[in-house]
Amino acid sequence: MVLLGAPDHVFVDLRDTTGQAKTGAIQGAVASSRGMIEFHIDPERPVHKPEFNQDKTYVFYSASGGRFAMAAMVSMDMGRSPVLNLPGGIGAWKKAGGMLQ
């Protein structure tokens, strides 16, 4: 929870909209499902998200942490670094008492 609100970190929710609607999301997280992250990072794409244009540490999470490896590899290949995994995903966040929106 220490990273929440830290000015040098961006949380990225890798779940699809169904998962996000079901359990909520971490406050201020950027929604970018695993299937769309390449398009959200690429500034030449119409669906680009400017949150990915920052010199910050990106903290990825999903339902349980399983989507991290591919998303991290793609993100680092596209110049986003460092990239961290939220171990245990949103489930672990909730279990630890993390707030959701």
N, C-alpha and C. Protein backbone atom coordinates (compact mmCIF):
# COMPACT_ATOMS: atom_id res chain seq x y z
N MET A 1 0.81 -1.19 0.00
CA MET A 1 0.00 0.00 0.00
C MET A 1 0.85 1.26 0.00
N VAL A 2 2.12 1.10 0.31
CA VAL A 2 3.02 2.24 0.38
C VAL A 2 3.10 2.97 -0.96
N LEU A 3 2.98 2.23 -2.07
CA LEU A 3 3.10 2.84 -3.39
C LEU A 3 1.88 3.64 -3.80
N LEU A 4 0.73 3.37 -3.18
CA LEU A 4 -0.50 4.07 -3.55
C LEU A 4 -0.35 5.56 -3.32
N GLY A 5 -0.57 6.32 -4.36
CA GLY A 5 -0.44 7.77 -4.27
C GLY A 5 0.98 8.27 -4.41
N ALA A 6 1.96 7.36 -4.55
CA ALA A 6 3.35 7.79 -4.72
C ALA A 6 3.48 8.48 -6.08
N PRO A 7 4.09 9.64 -6.12
CA PRO A 7 4.15 10.40 -7.37
C PRO A 7 5.01 9.76 -8.46
N ASP A 8 5.81 8.77 -8.11
CA ASP A 8 6.69 8.16 -9.11
C ASP A 8 6.23 6.76 -9.52
N HIS A 9 4.97 6.40 -9.21
CA HIS A 9 4.42 5.10 -9.56
C HIS A 9 3.06 5.26 -10.23
N VAL A 10 2.79 4.38 -11.21
CA VAL A 10 1.50 4.33 -11.87
C VAL A 10 1.00 2.89 -11.79
N PHE A 11 -0.19 2.69 -11.21
CA PHE A 11 -0.80 1.37 -11.19
C PHE A 11 -1.51 1.14 -12.51
N VAL A 12 -1.37 -0.07 -13.06
CA VAL A 12 -2.01 -0.43 -14.32
C VAL A 12 -2.81 -1.71 -14.11
N ASP A 13 -4.11 -1.62 -14.34
CA ASP A 13 -5.02 -2.75 -14.19
C ASP A 13 -5.08 -3.51 -15.51
N LEU A 14 -4.56 -4.73 -15.54
CA LEU A 14 -4.49 -5.54 -16.76
C LEU A 14 -5.74 -6.38 -17.01
N ARG A 15 -6.72 -6.27 -16.15
CA ARG A 15 -7.94 -7.07 -16.31
C ARG A 15 -8.85 -6.43 -17.36
N ASP A 16 -9.76 -7.22 -17.91
CA ASP A 16 -10.74 -6.66 -18.83
C ASP A 16 -11.83 -5.93 -18.04
N THR A 17 -12.73 -5.28 -18.75
CA THR A 17 -13.74 -4.46 -18.08
C THR A 17 -14.67 -5.29 -17.20
N THR A 18 -14.90 -6.54 -17.56
CA THR A 18 -15.76 -7.40 -16.74
C THR A 18 -15.14 -7.62 -15.36
N GLY A 19 -13.85 -7.93 -15.33
CA GLY A 19 -13.15 -8.12 -14.06
C GLY A 19 -13.09 -6.86 -13.24
N GLN A 20 -12.88 -5.74 -13.90
CA GLN A 20 -12.83 -4.47 -13.20
C GLN A 20 -14.18 -4.11 -12.60
N ALA A 21 -15.25 -4.35 -13.35
CA ALA A 21 -16.59 -4.05 -12.86
C ALA A 21 -16.98 -4.96 -11.69
N LYS A 22 -16.51 -6.20 -11.74
CA LYS A 22 -16.88 -7.18 -10.72
C LYS A 22 -16.28 -6.85 -9.35
N THR A 23 -15.00 -6.46 -9.32
CA THR A 23 -14.32 -6.27 -8.04
C THR A 23 -13.87 -4.84 -7.76
N GLY A 24 -13.93 -3.97 -8.75
CA GLY A 24 -13.41 -2.63 -8.57
C GLY A 24 -11.95 -2.56 -8.97
N ALA A 25 -11.36 -1.41 -8.82
CA ALA A 25 -9.97 -1.18 -9.21
C ALA A 25 -9.27 -0.35 -8.14
N ILE A 26 -7.96 -0.39 -8.16
CA ILE A 26 -7.17 0.43 -7.25
C ILE A 26 -7.35 1.90 -7.65
N GLN A 27 -7.56 2.74 -6.66
CA GLN A 27 -7.77 4.17 -6.88
C GLN A 27 -6.70 4.75 -7.80
N GLY A 28 -7.12 5.38 -8.89
CA GLY A 28 -6.21 6.05 -9.80
C GLY A 28 -5.51 5.14 -10.80
N ALA A 29 -5.82 3.85 -10.79
CA ALA A 29 -5.16 2.92 -11.72
C ALA A 29 -5.58 3.20 -13.16
N VAL A 30 -4.66 2.98 -14.08
CA VAL A 30 -4.93 3.08 -15.50
C VAL A 30 -5.49 1.73 -15.95
N ALA A 31 -6.65 1.73 -16.57
CA ALA A 31 -7.23 0.49 -17.10
C ALA A 31 -6.63 0.21 -18.47
N SER A 32 -5.95 -0.92 -18.59
CA SER A 32 -5.35 -1.32 -19.86
C SER A 32 -5.26 -2.83 -19.89
N SER A 33 -6.29 -3.45 -20.43
CA SER A 33 -6.31 -4.92 -20.45
C SER A 33 -5.11 -5.46 -21.21
N ARG A 34 -4.74 -6.67 -20.90
CA ARG A 34 -3.57 -7.30 -21.52
C ARG A 34 -3.65 -7.25 -23.05
N GLY A 35 -4.83 -7.38 -23.61
CA GLY A 35 -4.99 -7.36 -25.06
C GLY A 35 -4.88 -5.98 -25.69
N MET A 36 -4.93 -4.93 -24.88
CA MET A 36 -4.90 -3.56 -25.42
C MET A 36 -3.66 -2.77 -25.03
N ILE A 37 -2.82 -3.31 -24.17
CA ILE A 37 -1.72 -2.51 -23.62
C ILE A 37 -0.79 -1.95 -24.69
N GLU A 38 -0.52 -2.73 -25.73
CA GLU A 38 0.36 -2.24 -26.80
C GLU A 38 -0.22 -0.99 -27.45
N PHE A 39 -1.53 -0.98 -27.65
CA PHE A 39 -2.20 0.16 -28.27
C PHE A 39 -2.26 1.35 -27.34
N HIS A 40 -2.40 1.10 -26.05
CA HIS A 40 -2.45 2.20 -25.08
C HIS A 40 -1.08 2.84 -24.88
N ILE A 41 -0.02 2.08 -25.02
CA ILE A 41 1.33 2.62 -24.86
C ILE A 41 1.78 3.41 -26.09
N ASP A 42 1.44 2.95 -27.27
CA ASP A 42 1.91 3.53 -28.54
C ASP A 42 1.26 4.89 -28.79
N PRO A 43 2.06 5.98 -28.75
CA PRO A 43 1.49 7.32 -28.93
C PRO A 43 0.92 7.55 -30.33
N GLU A 44 1.23 6.68 -31.29
CA GLU A 44 0.71 6.83 -32.65
C GLU A 44 -0.69 6.23 -32.81
N ARG A 45 -1.16 5.53 -31.82
CA ARG A 45 -2.47 4.87 -31.89
C ARG A 45 -3.57 5.80 -31.40
N PRO A 46 -4.76 5.72 -32.00
CA PRO A 46 -5.86 6.59 -31.56
C PRO A 46 -6.33 6.31 -30.13
N VAL A 47 -6.08 5.11 -29.60
CA VAL A 47 -6.50 4.78 -28.24
C VAL A 47 -5.37 4.94 -27.22
N HIS A 48 -4.29 5.61 -27.63
CA HIS A 48 -3.16 5.85 -26.73
C HIS A 48 -3.62 6.51 -25.44
N LYS A 49 -3.02 6.08 -24.33
CA LYS A 49 -3.31 6.68 -23.02
C LYS A 49 -2.06 7.44 -22.56
N PRO A 50 -2.20 8.75 -22.37
CA PRO A 50 -1.05 9.58 -22.01
C PRO A 50 -0.40 9.20 -20.67
N GLU A 51 -1.09 8.45 -19.84
CA GLU A 51 -0.50 8.00 -18.57
C GLU A 51 0.75 7.15 -18.81
N PHE A 52 0.87 6.58 -20.01
CA PHE A 52 2.03 5.76 -20.33
C PHE A 52 3.21 6.59 -20.85
N ASN A 53 3.07 7.90 -20.91
CA ASN A 53 4.15 8.78 -21.37
C ASN A 53 4.92 9.39 -20.21
N GLN A 54 4.97 8.72 -19.10
CA GLN A 54 5.62 9.27 -17.92
C GLN A 54 6.87 8.48 -17.58
N ASP A 55 7.83 9.17 -17.03
CA ASP A 55 9.06 8.52 -16.57
C ASP A 55 8.83 8.06 -15.13
N LYS A 56 8.05 6.98 -15.00
CA LYS A 56 7.67 6.47 -13.69
C LYS A 56 7.80 4.96 -13.66
N THR A 57 7.64 4.39 -12.50
CA THR A 57 7.59 2.94 -12.34
C THR A 57 6.15 2.50 -12.52
N TYR A 58 5.93 1.52 -13.38
CA TYR A 58 4.59 1.00 -13.64
C TYR A 58 4.38 -0.26 -12.82
N VAL A 59 3.32 -0.27 -12.03
CA VAL A 59 2.99 -1.41 -11.18
C VAL A 59 1.76 -2.08 -11.79
N PHE A 60 1.98 -3.23 -12.42
CA PHE A 60 0.91 -3.96 -13.09
C PHE A 60 0.22 -4.90 -12.11
N TYR A 61 -1.09 -5.05 -12.30
CA TYR A 61 -1.81 -6.06 -11.53
C TYR A 61 -2.96 -6.61 -12.35
N SER A 62 -3.37 -7.82 -11.99
CA SER A 62 -4.51 -8.48 -12.61
C SER A 62 -5.30 -9.15 -11.49
N ALA A 63 -6.07 -10.17 -11.82
CA ALA A 63 -6.87 -10.85 -10.79
C ALA A 63 -5.97 -11.53 -9.77
N SER A 64 -4.96 -12.26 -10.26
CA SER A 64 -4.07 -12.98 -9.34
C SER A 64 -2.59 -12.80 -9.68
N GLY A 65 -2.28 -12.02 -10.69
CA GLY A 65 -0.89 -11.77 -11.05
C GLY A 65 -0.43 -12.51 -12.28
N GLY A 66 -1.29 -13.31 -12.90
CA GLY A 66 -0.90 -14.15 -14.02
C GLY A 66 -0.66 -13.44 -15.33
N ARG A 67 -1.18 -12.27 -15.54
CA ARG A 67 -1.03 -11.55 -16.81
C ARG A 67 0.24 -10.70 -16.87
N PHE A 68 0.96 -10.67 -15.79
CA PHE A 68 2.10 -9.76 -15.68
C PHE A 68 3.21 -10.05 -16.68
N ALA A 69 3.62 -11.29 -16.84
CA ALA A 69 4.82 -11.62 -17.63
C ALA A 69 4.73 -11.07 -19.05
N MET A 70 3.66 -11.36 -19.75
CA MET A 70 3.53 -10.89 -21.14
C MET A 70 3.38 -9.38 -21.21
N ALA A 71 2.59 -8.81 -20.33
CA ALA A 71 2.39 -7.36 -20.33
C ALA A 71 3.70 -6.64 -20.02
N ALA A 72 4.46 -7.15 -19.08
CA ALA A 72 5.73 -6.53 -18.72
C ALA A 72 6.72 -6.60 -19.88
N MET A 73 6.80 -7.75 -20.54
CA MET A 73 7.72 -7.92 -21.65
C MET A 73 7.39 -6.92 -22.77
N VAL A 74 6.11 -6.84 -23.14
CA VAL A 74 5.68 -5.91 -24.18
C VAL A 74 5.97 -4.48 -23.77
N SER A 75 5.65 -4.13 -22.54
CA SER A 75 5.85 -2.76 -22.06
C SER A 75 7.32 -2.37 -22.07
N MET A 76 8.17 -3.26 -21.60
CA MET A 76 9.61 -2.94 -21.60
C MET A 76 10.15 -2.87 -23.02
N ASP A 77 9.67 -3.73 -23.92
CA ASP A 77 10.07 -3.65 -25.33
C ASP A 77 9.68 -2.32 -25.94
N MET A 78 8.60 -1.73 -25.43
CA MET A 78 8.12 -0.45 -25.95
C MET A 78 8.68 0.74 -25.17
N GLY A 79 9.64 0.49 -24.28
CA GLY A 79 10.33 1.57 -23.60
C GLY A 79 9.81 1.96 -22.24
N ARG A 80 8.82 1.26 -21.72
CA ARG A 80 8.33 1.56 -20.38
C ARG A 80 9.13 0.72 -19.40
N SER A 81 9.81 1.39 -18.51
CA SER A 81 10.64 0.67 -17.53
C SER A 81 10.95 1.63 -16.39
N PRO A 82 11.01 1.17 -15.18
CA PRO A 82 10.81 -0.20 -14.73
C PRO A 82 9.34 -0.56 -14.63
N VAL A 83 9.08 -1.86 -14.68
CA VAL A 83 7.75 -2.42 -14.56
C VAL A 83 7.78 -3.44 -13.43
N LEU A 84 6.84 -3.32 -12.51
CA LEU A 84 6.75 -4.23 -11.37
C LEU A 84 5.43 -4.99 -11.40
N ASN A 85 5.39 -6.12 -10.72
CA ASN A 85 4.18 -6.90 -10.56
C ASN A 85 3.65 -6.69 -9.14
N LEU A 86 2.34 -6.57 -9.01
CA LEU A 86 1.72 -6.56 -7.70
C LEU A 86 1.45 -8.02 -7.35
N PRO A 87 2.30 -8.62 -6.52
CA PRO A 87 2.16 -10.06 -6.23
C PRO A 87 0.76 -10.42 -5.72
N GLY A 88 0.16 -11.43 -6.32
CA GLY A 88 -1.17 -11.87 -5.91
C GLY A 88 -2.30 -11.06 -6.49
N GLY A 89 -1.99 -10.02 -7.24
CA GLY A 89 -3.00 -9.23 -7.92
C GLY A 89 -3.99 -8.53 -7.01
N ILE A 90 -5.16 -8.25 -7.59
CA ILE A 90 -6.18 -7.50 -6.86
C ILE A 90 -6.69 -8.28 -5.65
N GLY A 91 -6.65 -9.61 -5.74
CA GLY A 91 -7.07 -10.43 -4.61
C GLY A 91 -6.21 -10.20 -3.39
N ALA A 92 -4.91 -10.17 -3.58
CA ALA A 92 -3.99 -9.92 -2.47
C ALA A 92 -4.14 -8.49 -1.97
N TRP A 93 -4.36 -7.56 -2.87
CA TRP A 93 -4.57 -6.15 -2.50
C TRP A 93 -5.77 -6.03 -1.54
N LYS A 94 -6.89 -6.66 -1.94
CA LYS A 94 -8.10 -6.62 -1.10
C LYS A 94 -7.86 -7.31 0.24
N LYS A 95 -7.21 -8.45 0.22
CA LYS A 95 -6.95 -9.21 1.45
C LYS A 95 -6.09 -8.40 2.42
N ALA A 96 -5.19 -7.57 1.89
CA ALA A 96 -4.33 -6.75 2.73
C ALA A 96 -5.03 -5.47 3.19
N GLY A 97 -6.30 -5.30 2.80
CA GLY A 97 -7.04 -4.12 3.23
C GLY A 97 -6.93 -2.94 2.29
N GLY A 98 -6.43 -3.16 1.08
CA GLY A 98 -6.31 -2.08 0.10
C GLY A 98 -7.66 -1.57 -0.35
N MET A 99 -7.75 -0.29 -0.52
CA MET A 99 -9.00 0.34 -0.94
C MET A 99 -9.20 0.19 -2.44
N LEU A 100 -10.46 0.07 -2.84
CA LEU A 100 -10.83 -0.03 -4.26
C LEU A 100 -11.84 1.04 -4.59
N GLN A 101 -11.85 1.42 -5.85
CA GLN A 101 -12.85 2.40 -6.30
C GLN A 101 -13.91 1.70 -7.09
